[in-house]
Amino acid sequence: MDTGFLRVLLDPGRFFEARMQEKPSLKIPALIALVIGLIGAVSTIPMTDITMAMLPADMQGLGGVIMMVISAGVAFIGGFLAWIIYGFVFHIVSMIFKGQGDLERTMEFTGYGLLPQVFGGASSGHTSPTSFSRA
């Protein structure tokens, strides 16, 4: 099976042609959405910390911990929600243009399409708090 992560990034045409020959599987796309959610959750923690430091002292106590947990939870769930929303939108657009295929295949390919966000999220998750803390 010649369907590795480098193939999807460097030669997506051949990757998706090979995937079309196989049965749809949502395991790897779900893992990609999970990683995006984890990166989002981890990257929101320093940003929430910076935001809470800007608040008055009486609001920084327990509220800071609660806000961090809520922000991280929403960011984690956001990775899955983005995948689901994008998949449904693409499938609806495909139906409008008389496309063929099932929702599972659309969700699979949409999940693979989110792979570059893993790298973008990891790099911006590192640089965003650094740039905001210097402002």
N, C-alpha and C. Protein backbone atom coordinates (compact mmCIF):
# COMPACT_ATOMS: atom_id res chain seq x y z
N MET A 1 0.85 -1.17 0.00
CA MET A 1 0.00 0.00 0.00
C MET A 1 0.90 1.23 0.00
N ASP A 2 0.78 2.04 -1.03
CA ASP A 2 1.61 3.21 -1.21
C ASP A 2 0.81 4.46 -0.87
N THR A 3 0.35 4.54 0.39
CA THR A 3 -0.51 5.66 0.77
C THR A 3 -0.03 6.32 2.06
N GLY A 4 1.26 6.62 2.16
CA GLY A 4 1.80 7.23 3.37
C GLY A 4 1.56 8.73 3.42
N PHE A 5 1.94 9.31 4.56
CA PHE A 5 1.72 10.74 4.76
C PHE A 5 2.52 11.59 3.79
N LEU A 6 3.73 11.16 3.46
CA LEU A 6 4.51 11.93 2.47
C LEU A 6 3.83 11.91 1.12
N ARG A 7 3.21 10.80 0.77
CA ARG A 7 2.53 10.70 -0.52
C ARG A 7 1.35 11.67 -0.59
N VAL A 8 0.59 11.79 0.48
CA VAL A 8 -0.56 12.68 0.46
C VAL A 8 -0.12 14.14 0.37
N LEU A 9 1.05 14.46 0.92
CA LEU A 9 1.54 15.83 0.86
C LEU A 9 2.26 16.15 -0.44
N LEU A 10 3.05 15.19 -0.94
CA LEU A 10 3.88 15.46 -2.11
C LEU A 10 3.25 15.05 -3.44
N ASP A 11 2.41 14.03 -3.41
CA ASP A 11 1.77 13.56 -4.64
C ASP A 11 0.31 13.20 -4.34
N PRO A 12 -0.51 14.21 -4.06
CA PRO A 12 -1.89 13.91 -3.63
C PRO A 12 -2.72 13.22 -4.70
N GLY A 13 -2.47 13.49 -5.98
CA GLY A 13 -3.24 12.83 -7.03
C GLY A 13 -3.10 11.32 -6.97
N ARG A 14 -1.88 10.86 -6.90
CA ARG A 14 -1.63 9.42 -6.84
C ARG A 14 -2.14 8.83 -5.52
N PHE A 15 -1.98 9.59 -4.43
CA PHE A 15 -2.46 9.11 -3.13
C PHE A 15 -3.96 8.85 -3.16
N PHE A 16 -4.73 9.84 -3.65
CA PHE A 16 -6.19 9.70 -3.64
C PHE A 16 -6.67 8.68 -4.67
N GLU A 17 -5.94 8.52 -5.77
CA GLU A 17 -6.28 7.45 -6.72
C GLU A 17 -6.13 6.09 -6.06
N ALA A 18 -5.06 5.91 -5.29
CA ALA A 18 -4.86 4.64 -4.58
C ALA A 18 -5.93 4.44 -3.51
N ARG A 19 -6.30 5.51 -2.82
CA ARG A 19 -7.34 5.39 -1.80
C ARG A 19 -8.69 5.02 -2.40
N MET A 20 -8.95 5.47 -3.63
CA MET A 20 -10.22 5.16 -4.28
C MET A 20 -10.37 3.67 -4.56
N GLN A 21 -9.26 2.97 -4.67
CA GLN A 21 -9.29 1.54 -4.94
C GLN A 21 -9.58 0.73 -3.68
N GLU A 22 -9.45 1.35 -2.54
CA GLU A 22 -9.64 0.67 -1.26
C GLU A 22 -10.98 1.06 -0.64
N LYS A 23 -11.37 0.30 0.34
CA LYS A 23 -12.59 0.58 1.08
C LYS A 23 -12.38 1.83 1.94
N PRO A 24 -13.39 2.72 2.03
CA PRO A 24 -13.22 3.93 2.85
C PRO A 24 -12.95 3.58 4.31
N SER A 25 -12.03 4.33 4.91
CA SER A 25 -11.70 4.16 6.31
C SER A 25 -11.55 5.53 6.96
N LEU A 26 -12.16 5.70 8.10
CA LEU A 26 -12.11 6.99 8.79
C LEU A 26 -11.12 7.00 9.94
N LYS A 27 -10.33 5.93 10.10
CA LYS A 27 -9.39 5.86 11.23
C LYS A 27 -8.32 6.93 11.14
N ILE A 28 -7.60 7.00 10.04
CA ILE A 28 -6.51 7.98 9.90
C ILE A 28 -7.07 9.40 9.86
N PRO A 29 -8.14 9.69 9.08
CA PRO A 29 -8.69 11.05 9.13
C PRO A 29 -9.15 11.46 10.53
N ALA A 30 -9.72 10.53 11.29
CA ALA A 30 -10.11 10.85 12.67
C ALA A 30 -8.89 11.13 13.53
N LEU A 31 -7.81 10.40 13.28
CA LEU A 31 -6.56 10.64 14.01
C LEU A 31 -6.01 12.02 13.67
N ILE A 32 -6.11 12.41 12.41
CA ILE A 32 -5.66 13.75 12.00
C ILE A 32 -6.50 14.81 12.71
N ALA A 33 -7.82 14.63 12.77
CA ALA A 33 -8.69 15.57 13.48
C ALA A 33 -8.36 15.60 14.96
N LEU A 34 -8.03 14.45 15.54
CA LEU A 34 -7.64 14.37 16.95
C LEU A 34 -6.37 15.17 17.20
N VAL A 35 -5.38 15.01 16.33
CA VAL A 35 -4.12 15.73 16.48
C VAL A 35 -4.35 17.24 16.35
N ILE A 36 -5.19 17.64 15.39
CA ILE A 36 -5.50 19.07 15.24
C ILE A 36 -6.17 19.59 16.50
N GLY A 37 -7.08 18.81 17.06
CA GLY A 37 -7.73 19.21 18.31
C GLY A 37 -6.75 19.31 19.47
N LEU A 38 -5.82 18.35 19.57
CA LEU A 38 -4.82 18.39 20.64
C LEU A 38 -3.90 19.59 20.49
N ILE A 39 -3.46 19.86 19.26
CA ILE A 39 -2.60 21.03 19.03
C ILE A 39 -3.35 22.30 19.39
N GLY A 40 -4.61 22.38 18.99
CA GLY A 40 -5.41 23.54 19.33
C GLY A 40 -5.56 23.70 20.84
N ALA A 41 -5.80 22.60 21.54
CA ALA A 41 -5.97 22.65 22.99
C ALA A 41 -4.69 23.09 23.68
N VAL A 42 -3.58 22.52 23.25
CA VAL A 42 -2.30 22.87 23.87
C VAL A 42 -1.92 24.32 23.56
N SER A 43 -2.20 24.78 22.35
CA SER A 43 -1.80 26.14 21.99
C SER A 43 -2.70 27.20 22.61
N THR A 44 -3.90 26.84 23.03
CA THR A 44 -4.76 27.84 23.68
C THR A 44 -4.36 28.10 25.12
N ILE A 45 -3.68 27.18 25.75
CA ILE A 45 -3.32 27.35 27.16
C ILE A 45 -2.43 28.57 27.38
N PRO A 46 -1.31 28.73 26.64
CA PRO A 46 -0.52 29.94 26.86
C PRO A 46 -1.26 31.22 26.47
N MET A 47 -2.09 31.14 25.42
CA MET A 47 -2.84 32.33 25.01
C MET A 47 -3.85 32.73 26.09
N THR A 48 -4.49 31.75 26.72
CA THR A 48 -5.42 32.04 27.80
C THR A 48 -4.67 32.61 29.00
N ASP A 49 -3.49 32.09 29.26
CA ASP A 49 -2.67 32.60 30.36
C ASP A 49 -2.31 34.07 30.12
N ILE A 50 -1.94 34.41 28.90
CA ILE A 50 -1.61 35.80 28.56
C ILE A 50 -2.84 36.68 28.69
N THR A 51 -3.98 36.19 28.23
CA THR A 51 -5.22 36.96 28.32
C THR A 51 -5.62 37.18 29.78
N MET A 52 -5.50 36.15 30.59
CA MET A 52 -5.88 36.27 32.00
C MET A 52 -4.95 37.23 32.74
N ALA A 53 -3.69 37.33 32.32
CA ALA A 53 -2.75 38.25 32.96
C ALA A 53 -3.14 39.71 32.71
N MET A 54 -3.91 39.96 31.66
CA MET A 54 -4.34 41.33 31.36
C MET A 54 -5.54 41.76 32.20
N LEU A 55 -6.19 40.82 32.85
CA LEU A 55 -7.38 41.13 33.65
C LEU A 55 -6.98 41.69 35.02
N PRO A 56 -7.89 42.37 35.69
CA PRO A 56 -7.61 42.84 37.06
C PRO A 56 -7.31 41.67 37.99
N ALA A 57 -6.57 41.94 39.05
CA ALA A 57 -6.09 40.89 39.96
C ALA A 57 -7.21 40.05 40.56
N ASP A 58 -8.34 40.67 40.89
CA ASP A 58 -9.42 39.90 41.52
C ASP A 58 -10.10 38.93 40.56
N MET A 59 -9.88 39.07 39.27
CA MET A 59 -10.47 38.17 38.28
C MET A 59 -9.50 37.09 37.82
N GLN A 60 -8.27 37.11 38.29
CA GLN A 60 -7.25 36.19 37.80
C GLN A 60 -7.19 34.88 38.58
N GLY A 61 -7.81 34.76 39.69
CA GLY A 61 -7.70 33.59 40.55
C GLY A 61 -8.17 32.30 39.91
N LEU A 62 -9.21 31.74 40.45
CA LEU A 62 -9.76 30.47 39.96
C LEU A 62 -10.31 30.61 38.55
N GLY A 63 -10.75 31.80 38.18
CA GLY A 63 -11.28 32.02 36.84
C GLY A 63 -10.28 31.69 35.76
N GLY A 64 -9.00 31.90 36.04
CA GLY A 64 -7.96 31.59 35.05
C GLY A 64 -7.88 30.11 34.74
N VAL A 65 -7.94 29.30 35.77
CA VAL A 65 -7.89 27.84 35.58
C VAL A 65 -9.13 27.37 34.84
N ILE A 66 -10.27 27.90 35.23
CA ILE A 66 -11.52 27.50 34.58
C ILE A 66 -11.50 27.90 33.11
N MET A 67 -11.04 29.11 32.83
CA MET A 67 -10.97 29.57 31.43
C MET A 67 -9.99 28.73 30.61
N MET A 68 -8.88 28.33 31.21
CA MET A 68 -7.92 27.48 30.50
C MET A 68 -8.55 26.14 30.14
N VAL A 69 -9.24 25.54 31.08
CA VAL A 69 -9.86 24.23 30.85
C VAL A 69 -10.95 24.35 29.78
N ILE A 70 -11.77 25.39 29.88
CA ILE A 70 -12.84 25.58 28.90
C ILE A 70 -12.26 25.85 27.52
N SER A 71 -11.26 26.73 27.45
CA SER A 71 -10.64 27.06 26.16
C SER A 71 -9.99 25.82 25.52
N ALA A 72 -9.28 25.05 26.32
CA ALA A 72 -8.63 23.84 25.79
C ALA A 72 -9.68 22.83 25.33
N GLY A 73 -10.75 22.68 26.09
CA GLY A 73 -11.81 21.74 25.71
C GLY A 73 -12.50 22.13 24.41
N VAL A 74 -12.80 23.42 24.29
CA VAL A 74 -13.45 23.90 23.06
C VAL A 74 -12.52 23.73 21.86
N ALA A 75 -11.24 24.03 22.05
CA ALA A 75 -10.28 23.87 20.95
C ALA A 75 -10.14 22.40 20.55
N PHE A 76 -10.14 21.51 21.52
CA PHE A 76 -10.03 20.08 21.22
C PHE A 76 -11.24 19.60 20.42
N ILE A 77 -12.42 19.96 20.87
CA ILE A 77 -13.65 19.57 20.16
C ILE A 77 -13.71 20.23 18.80
N GLY A 78 -13.14 21.44 18.70
CA GLY A 78 -13.14 22.17 17.43
C GLY A 78 -12.45 21.43 16.30
N GLY A 79 -11.42 20.64 16.61
CA GLY A 79 -10.76 19.84 15.57
C GLY A 79 -11.71 18.86 14.92
N PHE A 80 -12.51 18.19 15.72
CA PHE A 80 -13.48 17.25 15.18
C PHE A 80 -14.63 17.97 14.49
N LEU A 81 -15.10 19.05 15.10
CA LEU A 81 -16.20 19.80 14.49
C LEU A 81 -15.82 20.36 13.13
N ALA A 82 -14.61 20.87 13.01
CA ALA A 82 -14.16 21.40 11.72
C ALA A 82 -14.18 20.30 10.67
N TRP A 83 -13.68 19.13 11.03
CA TRP A 83 -13.65 18.00 10.08
C TRP A 83 -15.08 17.64 9.66
N ILE A 84 -15.98 17.55 10.61
CA ILE A 84 -17.37 17.17 10.30
C ILE A 84 -18.05 18.24 9.45
N ILE A 85 -17.89 19.49 9.83
CA ILE A 85 -18.53 20.57 9.07
C ILE A 85 -17.98 20.64 7.65
N TYR A 86 -16.65 20.62 7.51
CA TYR A 86 -16.05 20.66 6.17
C TYR A 86 -16.54 19.48 5.33
N GLY A 87 -16.57 18.29 5.93
CA GLY A 87 -17.01 17.11 5.20
C GLY A 87 -18.44 17.22 4.70
N PHE A 88 -19.33 17.68 5.56
CA PHE A 88 -20.73 17.84 5.14
C PHE A 88 -20.89 18.92 4.08
N VAL A 89 -20.17 20.03 4.24
CA VAL A 89 -20.26 21.10 3.23
C VAL A 89 -19.75 20.59 1.89
N PHE A 90 -18.61 19.91 1.87
CA PHE A 90 -18.09 19.39 0.61
C PHE A 90 -19.04 18.38 -0.01
N HIS A 91 -19.67 17.55 0.82
CA HIS A 91 -20.59 16.55 0.29
C HIS A 91 -21.84 17.22 -0.29
N ILE A 92 -22.34 18.24 0.38
CA ILE A 92 -23.51 18.96 -0.13
C ILE A 92 -23.17 19.65 -1.45
N VAL A 93 -22.00 20.29 -1.52
CA VAL A 93 -21.59 20.93 -2.78
C VAL A 93 -21.45 19.88 -3.88
N SER A 94 -20.91 18.73 -3.54
CA SER A 94 -20.79 17.65 -4.51
C SER A 94 -22.16 17.19 -4.99
N MET A 95 -23.12 17.10 -4.09
CA MET A 95 -24.48 16.70 -4.48
C MET A 95 -25.11 17.73 -5.40
N ILE A 96 -24.85 19.02 -5.13
CA ILE A 96 -25.40 20.08 -5.98
C ILE A 96 -24.89 19.94 -7.41
N PHE A 97 -23.61 19.57 -7.54
CA PHE A 97 -23.02 19.42 -8.87
C PHE A 97 -23.13 17.99 -9.41
N LYS A 98 -24.07 17.22 -8.87
CA LYS A 98 -24.37 15.85 -9.32
C LYS A 98 -23.18 14.91 -9.16
N GLY A 99 -22.39 15.12 -8.10
CA GLY A 99 -21.26 14.23 -7.84
C GLY A 99 -21.72 12.88 -7.36
N GLN A 100 -20.86 11.90 -7.51
CA GLN A 100 -21.17 10.54 -7.08
C GLN A 100 -20.25 10.17 -5.93
N GLY A 101 -20.73 9.34 -5.05
CA GLY A 101 -19.94 8.90 -3.92
C GLY A 101 -20.72 9.06 -2.64
N ASP A 102 -20.24 8.37 -1.63
CA ASP A 102 -20.96 8.41 -0.36
C ASP A 102 -20.29 9.38 0.62
N LEU A 103 -21.00 9.67 1.67
CA LEU A 103 -20.53 10.62 2.67
C LEU A 103 -19.26 10.12 3.36
N GLU A 104 -19.16 8.82 3.56
CA GLU A 104 -17.98 8.26 4.23
C GLU A 104 -16.71 8.56 3.44
N ARG A 105 -16.77 8.43 2.12
CA ARG A 105 -15.60 8.72 1.28
C ARG A 105 -15.27 10.22 1.34
N THR A 106 -16.30 11.06 1.31
CA THR A 106 -16.07 12.50 1.41
C THR A 106 -15.44 12.86 2.74
N MET A 107 -15.91 12.26 3.82
CA MET A 107 -15.34 12.51 5.14
C MET A 107 -13.89 12.04 5.21
N GLU A 108 -13.61 10.91 4.58
CA GLU A 108 -12.25 10.38 4.57
C GLU A 108 -11.31 11.35 3.87
N PHE A 109 -11.68 11.79 2.68
CA PHE A 109 -10.81 12.67 1.90
C PHE A 109 -10.70 14.05 2.54
N THR A 110 -11.77 14.51 3.15
CA THR A 110 -11.72 15.78 3.86
C THR A 110 -10.75 15.70 5.04
N GLY A 111 -10.77 14.58 5.73
CA GLY A 111 -9.84 14.39 6.85
C GLY A 111 -8.39 14.41 6.40
N TYR A 112 -8.10 13.74 5.29
CA TYR A 112 -6.74 13.78 4.76
C TYR A 112 -6.38 15.20 4.31
N GLY A 113 -7.36 15.94 3.83
CA GLY A 113 -7.12 17.31 3.41
C GLY A 113 -6.76 18.24 4.56
N LEU A 114 -7.07 17.85 5.78
CA LEU A 114 -6.73 18.65 6.95
C LEU A 114 -5.30 18.43 7.43
N LEU A 115 -4.58 17.49 6.82
CA LEU A 115 -3.23 17.16 7.27
C LEU A 115 -2.29 18.37 7.32
N PRO A 116 -2.30 19.28 6.34
CA PRO A 116 -1.40 20.44 6.46
C PRO A 116 -1.68 21.31 7.69
N GLN A 117 -2.90 21.26 8.21
CA GLN A 117 -3.20 22.03 9.41
C GLN A 117 -2.43 21.52 10.62
N VAL A 118 -2.04 20.26 10.60
CA VAL A 118 -1.24 19.73 11.71
C VAL A 118 0.08 20.49 11.78
N PHE A 119 0.71 20.67 10.64
CA PHE A 119 2.00 21.36 10.62
C PHE A 119 1.83 22.85 10.88
N GLY A 120 0.81 23.45 10.29
CA GLY A 120 0.54 24.86 10.52
C GLY A 120 0.16 25.15 11.95
N GLY A 121 -0.65 24.30 12.52
CA GLY A 121 -1.06 24.48 13.91
C GLY A 121 0.09 24.32 14.88
N ALA A 122 0.97 23.36 14.59
CA ALA A 122 2.12 23.15 15.46
C ALA A 122 3.06 24.36 15.43
N SER A 123 3.28 24.91 14.24
CA SER A 123 4.19 26.05 14.15
C SER A 123 3.56 27.32 14.73
N SER A 124 2.29 27.56 14.44
CA SER A 124 1.65 28.77 14.98
C SER A 124 1.37 28.64 16.47
N GLY A 125 1.17 27.42 16.94
CA GLY A 125 0.97 27.22 18.37
C GLY A 125 2.20 27.59 19.17
N HIS A 126 3.35 27.50 18.53
CA HIS A 126 4.60 27.87 19.19
C HIS A 126 4.88 29.36 19.07
N THR A 127 4.61 29.94 17.91
CA THR A 127 4.99 31.33 17.68
C THR A 127 3.96 32.34 18.19
N SER A 128 2.69 32.01 18.21
CA SER A 128 1.67 32.98 18.64
C SER A 128 1.86 33.48 20.06
N PRO A 129 2.01 32.61 21.06
CA PRO A 129 2.20 33.12 22.42
C PRO A 129 3.47 33.95 22.54
N THR A 130 4.51 33.58 21.83
CA THR A 130 5.76 34.31 21.89
C THR A 130 5.58 35.73 21.34
N SER A 131 4.90 35.86 20.23
CA SER A 131 4.72 37.19 19.64
C SER A 131 3.75 38.04 20.45
N PHE A 132 2.73 37.43 21.05
CA PHE A 132 1.78 38.22 21.86
C PHE A 132 2.40 38.63 23.19
N SER A 133 3.28 37.83 23.75
CA SER A 133 3.85 38.17 25.05
C SER A 133 4.83 39.33 24.92
N ARG A 134 5.35 39.58 23.72
CA ARG A 134 6.27 40.69 23.51
C ARG A 134 5.55 42.00 23.21
N ALA A 135 4.27 41.92 22.88
CA ALA A 135 3.52 43.12 22.49
C ALA A 135 3.27 44.05 23.67
